[in-house]
PDB file of N, CA and C in Angstrom:
ATOM      1  N   MET A   1       7.394  86.638-124.746  1.00  0.00           N
ATOM      2  CA  MET A   1       8.446  86.077-123.870  1.00  0.00           C
ATOM      3  C   MET A   1       9.960  86.335-122.906  1.00  0.00           C
ATOM      4  N   GLY A   2      10.369  87.910-123.933  1.00  0.00           N
ATOM      5  CA  GLY A   2      11.551  88.494-122.632  1.00  0.00           C
ATOM      6  C   GLY A   2      12.460  87.792-123.122  1.00  0.00           C
ATOM      7  N   THR A   3      12.262  87.824-125.171  1.00  0.00           N
ATOM      8  CA  THR A   3      13.928  87.234-125.356  1.00  0.00           C
ATOM      9  C   THR A   3      14.370  88.041-126.732  1.00  0.00           C
ATOM     10  N   ASP A   4      16.221  87.544-126.402  1.00  0.00           N
ATOM     11  CA  ASP A   4      16.126  88.167-127.955  1.00  0.00           C
ATOM     12  C   ASP A   4      15.096  87.514-129.609  1.00  0.00           C
ATOM     13  N   LEU A   5      15.540  88.353-130.848  1.00  0.00           N
ATOM     14  CA  LEU A   5      14.617  87.746-131.760  1.00  0.00           C
ATOM     15  C   LEU A   5      15.996  88.543-132.919  1.00  0.00           C
ATOM     16  N   PHE A   6      16.772  87.746-133.906  1.00  0.00           N
ATOM     17  CA  PHE A   6      16.471  87.907-134.771  1.00  0.00           C
ATOM     18  C   PHE A   6      16.329  87.279-136.274  1.00  0.00           C
ATOM     19  N   GLU A   7      16.474  87.830-137.129  1.00  0.00           N
ATOM     20  CA  GLU A   7      15.601  87.680-138.530  1.00  0.00           C
ATOM     21  C   GLU A   7      16.440  86.727-139.147  1.00  0.00           C
ATOM     22  N   ILE A   8      16.283  85.564-139.881  1.00  0.00           N
ATOM     23  CA  ILE A   8      17.776  85.390-140.888  1.00  0.00           C
ATOM     24  C   ILE A   8      17.142  86.181-142.079  1.00  0.00           C
ATOM     25  N   GLN A   9      17.788  86.515-143.170  1.00  0.00           N
ATOM     26  CA  GLN A   9      18.007  87.351-144.131  1.00  0.00           C
ATOM     27  C   GLN A   9      18.310  86.398-145.457  1.00  0.00           C
ATOM     28  N   ALA A  10      18.008  86.846-146.556  1.00  0.00           N
ATOM     29  CA  ALA A  10      19.052  85.911-146.996  1.00  0.00           C
ATOM     30  C   ALA A  10      19.251  87.376-147.996  1.00  0.00           C
ATOM     31  N   GLU A  11      21.338  86.788-147.813  1.00  0.00           N
ATOM     32  CA  GLU A  11      22.399  88.325-148.526  1.00  0.00           C
ATOM     33  C   GLU A  11      21.019  89.550-150.094  1.00  0.00           C
ATOM     34  N   THR A  12      20.985  88.228-150.762  1.00  0.00           N
ATOM     35  CA  THR A  12      19.939  88.439-151.899  1.00  0.00           C
ATOM     36  C   THR A  12      18.841  88.578-151.604  1.00  0.00           C
ATOM     37  N   VAL A  13      17.913  89.497-151.112  1.00  0.00           N
ATOM     38  CA  VAL A  13      16.372  89.389-151.179  1.00  0.00           C
ATOM     39  C   VAL A  13      15.969  88.159-152.764  1.00  0.00           C
ATOM     40  N   TYR A  14      14.724  88.069-151.558  1.00  0.00           N
ATOM     41  CA  TYR A  14      13.540  87.172-153.167  1.00  0.00           C
ATOM     42  C   TYR A  14      12.449  87.522-153.007  1.00  0.00           C
ATOM     43  N   THR A  15      11.987  87.566-154.475  1.00  0.00           N
ATOM     44  CA  THR A  15      11.167  88.414-155.198  1.00  0.00           C
ATOM     45  C   THR A  15      10.195  87.166-154.797  1.00  0.00           C
ATOM     46  N   ASN A  16       8.585  87.369-155.326  1.00  0.00           N
ATOM     47  CA  ASN A  16       7.859  86.837-155.598  1.00  0.00           C
ATOM     48  C   ASN A  16       7.904  85.422-156.472  1.00  0.00           C
ATOM     49  N   GLU A  17       8.828  86.592-157.321  1.00  0.00           N
ATOM     50  CA  GLU A  17       8.765  85.529-158.713  1.00  0.00           C
ATOM     51  C   GLU A  17       9.402  84.061-158.275  1.00  0.00           C
ATOM     52  N   ASP A  18      10.598  84.959-157.785  1.00  0.00           N
ATOM     53  CA  ASP A  18      12.067  83.546-157.010  1.00  0.00           C
ATOM     54  C   ASP A  18      10.854  82.373-156.191  1.00  0.00           C
ATOM     55  N   LEU A  19       9.818  83.392-155.632  1.00  0.00           N
ATOM     56  CA  LEU A  19       9.606  82.022-154.077  1.00  0.00           C
ATOM     57  C   LEU A  19       8.003  81.002-154.237  1.00  0.00           C
ATOM     58  N   ASP A  20       8.152  81.313-155.891  1.00  0.00           N
ATOM     59  CA  ASP A  20       7.018  80.397-156.009  1.00  0.00           C
ATOM     60  C   ASP A  20       7.400  78.800-156.212  1.00  0.00           C
ATOM     61  N   TRP A  21       6.820  78.474-155.701  1.00  0.00           N
ATOM     62  CA  TRP A  21       7.173  76.943-155.776  1.00  0.00           C
ATOM     63  C   TRP A  21       6.443  76.231-156.103  1.00  0.00           C
ATOM     64  N   GLN A  22       5.733  75.778-156.503  1.00  0.00           N
ATOM     65  CA  GLN A  22       4.826  75.290-158.463  1.00  0.00           C
ATOM     66  C   GLN A  22       5.386  76.078-159.419  1.00  0.00           C
ATOM     67  N   ASN A  23       6.622  76.314-159.775  1.00  0.00           N
ATOM     68  CA  ASN A  23       7.295  76.802-160.986  1.00  0.00           C
ATOM     69  C   ASN A  23       8.535  76.528-160.324  1.00  0.00           C
ATOM     70  N   SER A  24       8.738  74.905-161.120  1.00  0.00           N
ATOM     71  CA  SER A  24      10.483  74.107-160.730  1.00  0.00           C
ATOM     72  C   SER A  24      11.385  74.992-161.429  1.00  0.00           C
ATOM     73  N   LYS A  25      11.416  76.192-161.320  1.00  0.00           N
ATOM     74  CA  LYS A  25      12.415  76.483-162.360  1.00  0.00           C
ATOM     75  C   LYS A  25      12.876  78.121-161.707  1.00  0.00           C
ATOM     76  N   SER A  26      11.932  78.623-160.310  1.00  0.00           N
ATOM     77  CA  SER A  26      12.135  79.235-159.509  1.00  0.00           C
ATOM     78  C   SER A  26      13.381  79.494-158.629  1.00  0.00           C
ATOM     79  N   ARG A  27      13.770  80.510-158.381  1.00  0.00           N
ATOM     80  CA  ARG A  27      14.780  80.423-157.467  1.00  0.00           C
ATOM     81  C   ARG A  27      15.382  79.474-156.086  1.00  0.00           C
ATOM     82  N   SER A  28      13.925  79.660-155.189  1.00  0.00           N
ATOM     83  CA  SER A  28      13.486  78.588-153.934  1.00  0.00           C
ATOM     84  C   SER A  28      13.227  77.304-154.493  1.00  0.00           C
ATOM     85  N   SER A  29      12.518  76.589-155.732  1.00  0.00           N
ATOM     86  CA  SER A  29      12.942  75.260-156.485  1.00  0.00           C
ATOM     87  C   SER A  29      13.733  74.798-156.947  1.00  0.00           C
ATOM     88  N   ILE A  30      14.578  75.544-157.198  1.00  0.00           N
ATOM     89  CA  ILE A  30      15.605  75.019-157.390  1.00  0.00           C
ATOM     90  C   ILE A  30      16.475  75.354-156.347  1.00  0.00           C
ATOM     91  N   GLU A  31      17.150  75.695-155.514  1.00  0.00           N
ATOM     92  CA  GLU A  31      17.533  75.689-153.835  1.00  0.00           C
ATOM     93  C   GLU A  31      17.418  74.680-153.360  1.00  0.00           C
ATOM     94  N   MET A  32      15.847  74.374-153.121  1.00  0.00           N
ATOM     95  CA  MET A  32      15.711  73.115-152.094  1.00  0.00           C
ATOM     96  C   MET A  32      15.781  71.729-153.361  1.00  0.00           C
ATOM     97  N   ASN A  33      15.401  72.128-153.897  1.00  0.00           N
ATOM     98  CA  ASN A  33      15.911  70.400-154.555  1.00  0.00           C
ATOM     99  C   ASN A  33      18.065  70.267-154.825  1.00  0.00           C
ATOM    100  N   ASP A  34      18.550  71.309-153.980  1.00  0.00           N
ATOM    101  CA  ASP A  34      20.157  71.290-154.820  1.00  0.00           C
ATOM    102  C   ASP A  34      20.710  70.957-152.879  1.00  0.00           C
ATOM    103  N   PRO A  35      20.686  69.658-152.537  1.00  0.00           N
ATOM    104  CA  PRO A  35      21.270  69.663-151.283  1.00  0.00           C
ATOM    105  C   PRO A  35      22.556  70.420-150.760  1.00  0.00           C
ATOM    106  N   ASN A  36      23.425  70.983-151.428  1.00  0.00           N
ATOM    107  CA  ASN A  36      24.831  71.796-151.513  1.00  0.00           C
ATOM    108  C   ASN A  36      24.866  72.497-151.658  1.00  0.00           C
ATOM    109  N   CYS A  37      23.008  73.557-151.685  1.00  0.00           N
ATOM    110  CA  CYS A  37      22.476  74.890-151.284  1.00  0.00           C
ATOM    111  C   CYS A  37      23.166  75.489-150.401  1.00  0.00           C
ATOM    112  N   ARG A  38      23.853  76.556-149.739  1.00  0.00           N
ATOM    113  CA  ARG A  38      23.698  77.389-149.062  1.00  0.00           C
ATOM    114  C   ARG A  38      23.350  78.904-149.142  1.00  0.00           C
ATOM    115  N   PRO A  39      22.041  79.479-148.776  1.00  0.00           N
ATOM    116  CA  PRO A  39      22.511  80.770-149.750  1.00  0.00           C
ATOM    117  C   PRO A  39      23.077  81.476-148.539  1.00  0.00           C
ATOM    118  N   ALA A  40      23.590  82.688-149.312  1.00  0.00           N
ATOM    119  CA  ALA A  40      24.561  83.058-148.206  1.00  0.00           C
ATOM    120  C   ALA A  40      23.407  84.458-147.544  1.00  0.00           C
ATOM    121  N   ILE A  41      23.224  84.826-146.030  1.00  0.00           N
ATOM    122  CA  ILE A  41      22.985  85.256-145.467  1.00  0.00           C
ATOM    123  C   ILE A  41      23.478  86.760-145.062  1.00  0.00           C
ATOM    124  N   ARG A  42      22.381  87.673-144.650  1.00  0.00           N
ATOM    125  CA  ARG A  42      22.875  88.957-144.804  1.00  0.00           C
ATOM    126  C   ARG A  42      23.854  89.221-143.039  1.00  0.00           C
ATOM    127  N   ARG A  43      23.824  88.662-142.554  1.00  0.00           N
ATOM    128  CA  ARG A  43      24.278  88.139-141.041  1.00  0.00           C
ATOM    129  C   ARG A  43      23.809  87.715-139.990  1.00  0.00           C
ATOM    130  N   ARG A  44      24.883  87.251-139.551  1.00  0.00           N
ATOM    131  CA  ARG A  44      24.578  86.219-138.272  1.00  0.00           C
ATOM    132  C   ARG A  44      25.550  87.231-136.783  1.00  0.00           C
ATOM    133  N   VAL A  45      24.544  85.761-136.266  1.00  0.00           N
ATOM    134  CA  VAL A  45      24.359  86.167-134.193  1.00  0.00           C
ATOM    135  C   VAL A  45      25.854  86.622-133.847  1.00  0.00           C
ATOM    136  N   THR A  46      26.880  86.884-132.827  1.00  0.00           N
ATOM    137  CA  THR A  46      27.294  86.483-132.844  1.00  0.00           C
ATOM    138  C   THR A  46      28.400  86.270-131.680  1.00  0.00           C
ATOM    139  N   ASP A  47      27.413  86.044-131.295  1.00  0.00           N
ATOM    140  CA  ASP A  47      28.027  85.028-129.773  1.00  0.00           C
ATOM    141  C   ASP A  47      26.938  83.627-130.041  1.00  0.00           C
ATOM    142  N   MET A  48      26.782  83.016-130.380  1.00  0.00           N
ATOM    143  CA  MET A  48      26.006  81.942-130.353  1.00  0.00           C
ATOM    144  C   MET A  48      25.903  80.998-128.918  1.00  0.00           C
ATOM    145  N   ALA A  49      26.820  80.957-128.374  1.00  0.00           N
ATOM    146  CA  ALA A  49      27.457  80.527-127.208  1.00  0.00           C
ATOM    147  C   ALA A  49      26.386  81.135-126.352  1.00  0.00           C
ATOM    148  N   GLN A  50      26.143  82.255-125.737  1.00  0.00           N
ATOM    149  CA  GLN A  50      25.402  82.685-125.824  1.00  0.00           C
ATOM    150  C   GLN A  50      24.172  82.554-124.426  1.00  0.00           C
ATOM    151  N   TYR A  51      23.726  81.711-125.772  1.00  0.00           N
ATOM    152  CA  TYR A  51      22.587  81.199-126.033  1.00  0.00           C
ATOM    153  C   TYR A  51      22.322  79.432-125.358  1.00  0.00           C
ATOM    154  N   ASP A  52      20.957  79.449-124.527  1.00  0.00           N
ATOM    155  CA  ASP A  52      21.009  77.847-124.055  1.00  0.00           C
ATOM    156  C   ASP A  52      20.031  77.309-124.871  1.00  0.00           C
ATOM    157  N   VAL A  53      19.025  78.068-124.939  1.00  0.00           N
ATOM    158  CA  VAL A  53      17.978  77.393-126.490  1.00  0.00           C
ATOM    159  C   VAL A  53      17.945  78.281-126.958  1.00  0.00           C
ATOM    160  N   VAL A  54      17.443  77.514-128.423  1.00  0.00           N
ATOM    161  CA  VAL A  54      17.027  78.351-129.531  1.00  0.00           C
ATOM    162  C   VAL A  54      15.763  78.247-130.014  1.00  0.00           C
ATOM    163  N   PHE A  55      14.958  78.945-130.424  1.00  0.00           N
ATOM    164  CA  PHE A  55      13.917  78.637-130.718  1.00  0.00           C
ATOM    165  C   PHE A  55      14.216  79.503-132.796  1.00  0.00           C
ATOM    166  N   ALA A  56      13.471  77.728-133.394  1.00  0.00           N
ATOM    167  CA  ALA A  56      13.401  78.825-134.628  1.00  0.00           C
ATOM    168  C   ALA A  56      11.684  78.553-134.999  1.00  0.00           C
ATOM    169  N   GLY A  57      11.492  79.180-135.999  1.00  0.00           N
ATOM    170  CA  GLY A  57      10.243  79.142-136.681  1.00  0.00           C
ATOM    171  C   GLY A  57      10.659  80.738-137.780  1.00  0.00           C
ATOM    172  N   PHE A  58       9.373  79.439-138.415  1.00  0.00           N
ATOM    173  CA  PHE A  58       8.872  80.650-139.932  1.00  0.00           C
ATOM    174  C   PHE A  58       6.890  81.347-140.077  1.00  0.00           C
ATOM    175  N   PRO A  59       7.216  81.779-141.097  1.00  0.00           N
ATOM    176  CA  PRO A  59       5.133  82.856-141.013  1.00  0.00           C
ATOM    177  C   PRO A  59       4.867  81.687-141.425  1.00  0.00           C
ATOM    178  N   LYS A  60       3.456  81.489-140.908  1.00  0.00           N
ATOM    179  CA  LYS A  60       2.284  80.976-142.210  1.00  0.00           C
ATOM    180  C   LYS A  60       1.923  81.243-143.183  1.00  0.00           C
ATOM    181  N   MET A  61       2.056  80.607-144.082  1.00  0.00           N
ATOM    182  CA  MET A  61       2.035  81.110-145.762  1.00  0.00           C
ATOM    183  C   MET A  61       0.791  81.231-145.782  1.00  0.00           C
TER     184      MET A  61
END
């Protein structure tokens, strides 16, 4: 598509155990159920104003 790509990465990498959504005590489950949770990210886009359209997506698991 000739566009810029930017991968959002967590500051603290998620392990497979962290991502076990079937475990209510896993990191991802705890974060998902906390409306105030905003995990830190590694880096940000420096100038979002330069974009008219932004597509957000994620891989099919």
